[in-house]
Every structure is written in C-alpha cells, then in structure tokens.
Amino acid sequence: MEWQVVKIKQADGRSSAFVSIGRGQLDFNAEACKLVEDTGNFKFAQLLTAQQNGKVIIAVKFLEEYDENCITIRRKSVDGKVIQGMTVRNKGTIEKIFGKNGVKQGMTRYPVALVEKNILKIID
C-alpha cells in the first residue's frame, strides 16, 4: 500500500471577498469592500432580490445618499480606529430574506461577486 499526502488549501479568507450572515446582519469583509471600491463613501444599503432559473438571487446595493428602503451601513472599528469592512444590520429584514440562517447566533460565510459598480451578489 502506498500512502498519498492530502493537499490542504491554506486560505484564511483574507484574499477572498465574502459576506458573513447571521445575528440579523450582513458583515462584508475588506476584500468585498474593494470590489465596490469603497473608500468610506457608502452610507446606506438596499437589499435586492431577483429570480434566476427559478432560484431567488440576493444582492446588496451600496449608496452614498439615502434612497427609499435603505439600511444605514455601520463601519467596523478596532480599538476606536475605523477599518475596512461594512455591516448592514436589520434583524427583521435579514430574517425575512435569509430565514433562520439570517438570525442564528453563528455566522455563515458566502462568497460575493460584483455585478454592477456598486452592487454585490451573494453567491449561495
């Protein structure tokens, strides 16, 4: 018998764009913010849904100014210093869209992709 070493991908998530969903919020990491070229200018977010091949697709549109049905973006900070990353928090709406996964205590990561200049699609 000859043993083969199983290769393990060493990825910590820092190099991939993702959103963590849970606790009634969406947390976008720094790489996701880079996709929409966020420099701290986005203040609001709209949650978008669409149908594709009978499946619901969810996206987030980032805005600099308030528009109808917006949620205020919260900025992440460490030791009082703002760092790159955005949080969209609205427990009722997140639960409506993502069900119990949207409000559970743990967070689940989903990749995101840029679909327009200021819109990230959540890939399930």
C-alpha atoms as a PDB file:
ATOM      1  CA  MET A   1       0.000   0.000   0.000  1.00  0.00           C
ATOM      2  CA  GLU A   2       1.309   3.457  -0.900  1.00  0.00           C
ATOM      3  CA  TRP A   3       0.115   6.457   1.096  1.00  0.00           C
ATOM      4  CA  GLN A   4      -0.522   9.818  -0.556  1.00  0.00           C
ATOM      5  CA  VAL A   5      -0.447  13.131   1.258  1.00  0.00           C
ATOM      6  CA  VAL A   6      -3.729  15.037   1.088  1.00  0.00           C
ATOM      7  CA  LYS A   7      -3.096  18.605  -0.026  1.00  0.00           C
ATOM      8  CA  ILE A   8      -4.695  21.222   2.164  1.00  0.00           C
ATOM      9  CA  LYS A   9      -5.600  24.627   0.843  1.00  0.00           C
ATOM     10  CA  GLN A  10      -4.203  27.270   3.182  1.00  0.00           C
ATOM     11  CA  ALA A  11      -6.800  30.007   2.961  1.00  0.00           C
ATOM     12  CA  ASP A  12      -7.889  32.184   5.819  1.00  0.00           C
ATOM     13  CA  GLY A  13     -10.419  34.243   3.886  1.00  0.00           C
ATOM     14  CA  ARG A  14      -8.315  37.379   3.730  1.00  0.00           C
ATOM     15  CA  SER A  15      -7.811  37.070  -0.004  1.00  0.00           C
ATOM     16  CA  SER A  16     -11.402  36.267  -0.955  1.00  0.00           C
ATOM     17  CA  ALA A  17     -14.430  38.548  -0.976  1.00  0.00           C
ATOM     18  CA  PHE A  18     -17.227  37.312   1.261  1.00  0.00           C
ATOM     19  CA  VAL A  19     -20.133  38.295   3.461  1.00  0.00           C
ATOM     20  CA  SER A  20     -20.791  36.717   6.859  1.00  0.00           C
ATOM     21  CA  ILE A  21     -24.508  36.305   7.525  1.00  0.00           C
ATOM     22  CA  GLY A  22     -26.076  35.786  10.952  1.00  0.00           C
ATOM     23  CA  ARG A  23     -27.227  37.624  14.105  1.00  0.00           C
ATOM     24  CA  GLY A  24     -29.526  39.777  11.951  1.00  0.00           C
ATOM     25  CA  GLN A  25     -26.711  41.331   9.965  1.00  0.00           C
ATOM     26  CA  LEU A  26     -24.528  41.095   6.883  1.00  0.00           C
ATOM     27  CA  ASP A  27     -20.796  41.662   7.507  1.00  0.00           C
ATOM     28  CA  PHE A  28     -18.769  42.404   4.379  1.00  0.00           C
ATOM     29  CA  ASN A  29     -15.025  41.822   4.654  1.00  0.00           C
ATOM     30  CA  ALA A  30     -12.308  44.141   3.325  1.00  0.00           C
ATOM     31  CA  GLU A  31     -11.983  42.236   0.029  1.00  0.00           C
ATOM     32  CA  ALA A  32     -15.713  42.620  -0.630  1.00  0.00           C
ATOM     33  CA  CYS A  33     -15.368  46.358   0.036  1.00  0.00           C
ATOM     34  CA  LYS A  34     -12.535  46.536  -2.503  1.00  0.00           C
ATOM     35  CA  LEU A  35     -14.827  45.086  -5.187  1.00  0.00           C
ATOM     36  CA  VAL A  36     -17.165  48.087  -4.884  1.00  0.00           C
ATOM     37  CA  GLU A  37     -14.203  50.468  -4.461  1.00  0.00           C
ATOM     38  CA  ASP A  38     -15.403  51.524  -1.017  1.00  0.00           C
ATOM     39  CA  THR A  39     -13.410  54.388   0.469  1.00  0.00           C
ATOM     40  CA  GLY A  40     -15.834  55.032   3.293  1.00  0.00           C
ATOM     41  CA  ASN A  41     -18.180  56.893   0.972  1.00  0.00           C
ATOM     42  CA  PHE A  42     -21.073  54.417   1.178  1.00  0.00           C
ATOM     43  CA  LYS A  43     -23.537  55.270   3.942  1.00  0.00           C
ATOM     44  CA  PHE A  44     -26.602  53.188   3.011  1.00  0.00           C
ATOM     45  CA  ALA A  45     -27.504  49.804   1.539  1.00  0.00           C
ATOM     46  CA  GLN A  46     -30.533  48.394  -0.245  1.00  0.00           C
ATOM     47  CA  LEU A  47     -31.229  44.675  -0.285  1.00  0.00           C
ATOM     48  CA  LEU A  48     -32.208  43.395  -3.729  1.00  0.00           C
ATOM     49  CA  THR A  49     -33.807  40.145  -4.866  1.00  0.00           C
ATOM     50  CA  ALA A  50     -34.274  38.676  -8.327  1.00  0.00           C
ATOM     51  CA  GLN A  51     -35.243  35.340  -9.879  1.00  0.00           C
ATOM     52  CA  GLN A  52     -32.786  33.352 -11.988  1.00  0.00           C
ATOM     53  CA  ASN A  53     -33.700  29.883 -13.267  1.00  0.00           C
ATOM     54  CA  GLY A  54     -36.422  29.654 -10.615  1.00  0.00           C
ATOM     55  CA  LYS A  55     -33.992  30.469  -7.805  1.00  0.00           C
ATOM     56  CA  VAL A  56     -34.011  33.618  -5.661  1.00  0.00           C
ATOM     57  CA  ILE A  57     -30.824  35.659  -6.039  1.00  0.00           C
ATOM     58  CA  ILE A  58     -29.887  38.194  -3.361  1.00  0.00           C
ATOM     59  CA  ALA A  59     -27.684  41.248  -3.819  1.00  0.00           C
ATOM     60  CA  VAL A  60     -26.783  44.395  -1.909  1.00  0.00           C
ATOM     61  CA  LYS A  61     -26.636  47.835  -3.497  1.00  0.00           C
ATOM     62  CA  PHE A  62     -24.367  50.327  -1.735  1.00  0.00           C
ATOM     63  CA  LEU A  63     -25.350  54.006  -1.823  1.00  0.00           C
ATOM     64  CA  GLU A  64     -23.761  57.293  -0.810  1.00  0.00           C
ATOM     65  CA  GLU A  65     -27.110  59.012  -0.209  1.00  0.00           C
ATOM     66  CA  TYR A  66     -30.374  57.839   1.307  1.00  0.00           C
ATOM     67  CA  ASP A  67     -32.937  56.311  -1.020  1.00  0.00           C
ATOM     68  CA  GLU A  68     -36.204  54.503  -0.374  1.00  0.00           C
ATOM     69  CA  ASN A  69     -35.954  51.290   1.676  1.00  0.00           C
ATOM     70  CA  CYS A  70     -32.336  51.826   2.752  1.00  0.00           C
ATOM     71  CA  ILE A  71     -30.491  50.486   5.764  1.00  0.00           C
ATOM     72  CA  THR A  72     -27.718  52.533   7.361  1.00  0.00           C
ATOM     73  CA  ILE A  73     -24.264  50.986   6.974  1.00  0.00           C
ATOM     74  CA  ARG A  74     -22.228  50.543  10.138  1.00  0.00           C
ATOM     75  CA  ARG A  75     -18.460  50.791   9.865  1.00  0.00           C
ATOM     76  CA  LYS A  76     -16.176  48.309  11.576  1.00  0.00           C
ATOM     77  CA  SER A  77     -13.652  49.580  14.091  1.00  0.00           C
ATOM     78  CA  VAL A  78     -10.835  48.103  16.145  1.00  0.00           C
ATOM     79  CA  ASP A  79      -9.586  49.994  19.200  1.00  0.00           C
ATOM     80  CA  GLY A  80     -11.591  53.027  18.084  1.00  0.00           C
ATOM     81  CA  LYS A  81      -9.987  53.098  14.625  1.00  0.00           C
ATOM     82  CA  VAL A  82     -12.239  52.549  11.586  1.00  0.00           C
ATOM     83  CA  ILE A  83     -11.105  49.596   9.482  1.00  0.00           C
ATOM     84  CA  GLN A  84     -12.225  48.416   6.069  1.00  0.00           C
ATOM     85  CA  GLY A  85     -15.436  46.427   6.229  1.00  0.00           C
ATOM     86  CA  MET A  86     -19.145  47.189   6.341  1.00  0.00           C
ATOM     87  CA  THR A  87     -22.069  45.880   8.372  1.00  0.00           C
ATOM     88  CA  VAL A  88     -25.691  46.025   7.253  1.00  0.00           C
ATOM     89  CA  ARG A  89     -27.900  45.353  10.285  1.00  0.00           C
ATOM     90  CA  ASN A  90     -31.689  44.928  10.279  1.00  0.00           C
ATOM     91  CA  LYS A  91     -32.785  41.751  12.042  1.00  0.00           C
ATOM     92  CA  GLY A  92     -36.356  41.636  10.726  1.00  0.00           C
ATOM     93  CA  THR A  93     -35.417  42.164   7.103  1.00  0.00           C
ATOM     94  CA  ILE A  94     -32.427  39.816   7.243  1.00  0.00           C
ATOM     95  CA  GLU A  95     -34.630  37.089   8.759  1.00  0.00           C
ATOM     96  CA  LYS A  96     -37.294  37.662   6.088  1.00  0.00           C
ATOM     97  CA  ILE A  97     -34.733  37.168   3.307  1.00  0.00           C
ATOM     98  CA  PHE A  98     -32.424  34.507   4.794  1.00  0.00           C
ATOM     99  CA  GLY A  99     -34.791  32.760   7.212  1.00  0.00           C
ATOM    100  CA  LYS A 100     -33.391  31.376  10.466  1.00  0.00           C
ATOM    101  CA  ASN A 101     -29.853  31.434   8.993  1.00  0.00           C
ATOM    102  CA  GLY A 102     -30.069  35.217   8.997  1.00  0.00           C
ATOM    103  CA  VAL A 103     -30.644  35.483  12.732  1.00  0.00           C
ATOM    104  CA  LYS A 104     -28.811  32.498  14.205  1.00  0.00           C
ATOM    105  CA  GLN A 105     -26.023  33.258  16.672  1.00  0.00           C
ATOM    106  CA  GLY A 106     -23.259  31.879  14.452  1.00  0.00           C
ATOM    107  CA  MET A 107     -22.156  33.456  11.195  1.00  0.00           C
ATOM    108  CA  THR A 108     -22.032  31.702   7.811  1.00  0.00           C
ATOM    109  CA  ARG A 109     -19.727  32.943   5.042  1.00  0.00           C
ATOM    110  CA  TYR A 110     -20.899  33.312   1.465  1.00  0.00           C
ATOM    111  CA  PRO A 111     -18.786  34.469  -1.470  1.00  0.00           C
ATOM    112  CA  VAL A 112     -19.816  37.707  -3.177  1.00  0.00           C
ATOM    113  CA  ALA A 113     -19.340  38.901  -6.747  1.00  0.00           C
ATOM    114  CA  LEU A 114     -19.512  42.344  -8.300  1.00  0.00           C
ATOM    115  CA  VAL A 115     -22.456  42.577 -10.720  1.00  0.00           C
ATOM    116  CA  GLU A 116     -22.530  46.355 -11.157  1.00  0.00           C
ATOM    117  CA  LYS A 117     -20.371  49.243  -9.976  1.00  0.00           C
ATOM    118  CA  ASN A 118     -21.971  49.328  -6.517  1.00  0.00           C
ATOM    119  CA  ILE A 119     -23.844  46.002  -6.315  1.00  0.00           C
ATOM    120  CA  LEU A 120     -22.557  42.765  -4.799  1.00  0.00           C
ATOM    121  CA  LYS A 121     -24.395  39.497  -5.446  1.00  0.00           C
ATOM    122  CA  ILE A 122     -24.359  36.932  -2.653  1.00  0.00           C
ATOM    123  CA  ILE A 123     -23.419  33.544  -4.102  1.00  0.00           C
ATOM    124  CA  ASP A 124     -25.141  30.581  -2.478  1.00  0.00           C
END
